[in-house]
């Protein structure tokens, strides 16, 4: 088996251009595709976390007196929402269910 036959190819369409990406295995291709699909949703879900922080503040959660908790909630909620909701989005809409063994 030659080196060309071992590689896995993925064709990606970005706006008006097509790119061919070559991977050593199907597992590498799936990992790249997952990261690519998730990266599209990082910014919207981060901004949703900022809105959640605003709603918490308007609801009466004022942590300005404790700098550690204020920082933890102010930074933690957007980052946690970004990663958790992106993973949930990927699993709901893109991930294929695994066949039973």
Protein backbone atom coordinates (compact mmCIF):
# COMPACT_ATOMS: atom_id res chain seq x y z
CA UNK A 1 0.00 0.00 0.00
CA UNK A 2 1.49 3.33 -1.00
CA UNK A 3 1.57 6.48 1.13
CA UNK A 4 -1.08 8.10 -1.10
CA UNK A 5 -3.48 5.21 -0.51
CA UNK A 6 -3.09 5.47 3.29
CA UNK A 7 -4.13 9.11 3.49
CA UNK A 8 -7.70 10.21 4.08
CA UNK A 9 -8.98 13.21 2.12
CA UNK A 10 -11.53 15.79 3.17
CA UNK A 11 -12.79 18.47 0.82
CA UNK A 12 -13.86 21.68 2.56
CA UNK A 13 -15.79 24.48 0.86
CA UNK A 14 -14.98 27.90 2.30
CA UNK A 15 -17.06 30.58 0.60
CA UNK A 16 -16.02 30.34 -3.04
CA UNK A 17 -12.90 28.19 -2.60
CA UNK A 18 -12.46 24.46 -2.22
CA UNK A 19 -9.67 23.00 -0.15
CA UNK A 20 -8.49 19.43 0.01
CA UNK A 21 -7.07 18.37 3.33
CA UNK A 22 -5.11 15.16 3.77
CA UNK A 23 -4.98 13.19 7.02
CA UNK A 24 -3.09 10.11 8.08
CA UNK A 25 -6.16 8.35 9.45
CA UNK A 26 -9.92 8.57 9.61
CA UNK A 27 -9.66 9.38 13.33
CA UNK A 28 -7.52 12.45 12.57
CA UNK A 29 -10.04 13.60 9.98
CA UNK A 30 -12.95 13.23 12.40
CA UNK A 31 -11.06 15.15 15.09
CA UNK A 32 -10.31 18.01 12.72
CA UNK A 33 -13.89 18.10 11.46
CA UNK A 34 -15.25 18.23 15.02
CA UNK A 35 -12.93 21.10 15.96
CA UNK A 36 -13.81 22.96 12.76
CA UNK A 37 -17.56 22.63 13.31
CA UNK A 38 -17.29 23.66 16.97
CA UNK A 39 -15.14 26.70 16.25
CA UNK A 40 -17.99 28.29 14.30
CA UNK A 41 -20.11 28.42 17.46
CA UNK A 42 -17.57 29.72 20.01
CA UNK A 43 -18.35 33.43 19.58
CA UNK A 44 -22.17 33.21 19.65
CA UNK A 45 -22.15 31.00 22.74
CA UNK A 46 -19.57 33.22 24.47
CA UNK A 47 -21.83 36.21 23.86
CA UNK A 48 -24.76 34.20 25.22
CA UNK A 49 -22.70 33.70 28.39
CA UNK A 50 -22.20 37.48 28.61
CA UNK A 51 -25.98 37.93 28.32
CA UNK A 52 -26.46 35.33 31.07
CA UNK A 53 -24.10 37.38 33.26
CA UNK A 54 -26.14 40.49 32.54
CA UNK A 55 -29.37 38.68 33.47
CA UNK A 56 -27.79 37.43 36.70
CA UNK A 57 -26.72 40.98 37.56
CA UNK A 58 -30.18 42.40 36.78
CA UNK A 59 -31.74 39.62 38.90
CA UNK A 60 -29.79 40.85 41.91
CA UNK A 61 -26.57 38.83 41.91
CA UNK A 62 -24.04 41.60 42.58
CA UNK A 63 -20.60 40.19 43.29
CA UNK A 64 -18.72 43.48 43.10
CA UNK A 65 -17.79 43.36 46.79
CA UNK A 66 -15.86 40.13 46.46
CA UNK A 67 -13.27 40.45 43.72
CA UNK A 68 -12.56 36.71 43.50
CA UNK A 69 -16.20 35.64 43.12
CA UNK A 70 -16.90 38.55 40.80
CA UNK A 71 -14.01 37.53 38.58
CA UNK A 72 -14.90 33.81 38.73
CA UNK A 73 -18.52 34.40 37.74
CA UNK A 74 -17.76 37.22 35.29
CA UNK A 75 -15.22 35.16 33.36
CA UNK A 76 -16.37 31.65 34.21
CA UNK A 77 -19.96 31.87 33.01
CA UNK A 78 -19.13 33.04 29.44
CA UNK A 79 -16.26 30.59 29.02
CA UNK A 80 -18.19 27.67 30.50
CA UNK A 81 -21.22 28.45 28.35
CA UNK A 82 -18.98 28.71 25.29
CA UNK A 83 -17.42 25.28 25.73
CA UNK A 84 -20.41 23.42 27.18
CA UNK A 85 -23.01 24.71 24.73
CA UNK A 86 -20.69 24.21 21.76
CA UNK A 87 -20.12 20.58 22.76
CA UNK A 88 -23.85 20.08 23.30
CA UNK A 89 -24.61 21.70 19.93
CA UNK A 90 -22.11 19.41 18.21
CA UNK A 91 -23.48 16.27 19.85
CA UNK A 92 -27.09 17.14 19.05
CA UNK A 93 -26.71 18.24 15.44
CA UNK A 94 -23.51 16.76 14.00
CA UNK A 95 -22.38 13.68 15.91
CA UNK A 96 -23.53 10.40 14.47
CA UNK A 97 -24.84 7.89 16.98
CA UNK A 98 -22.52 4.94 17.48
CA UNK A 99 -23.77 1.55 16.43
CA UNK A 100 -24.14 -1.00 19.23
CA UNK A 101 -21.31 -3.52 19.36
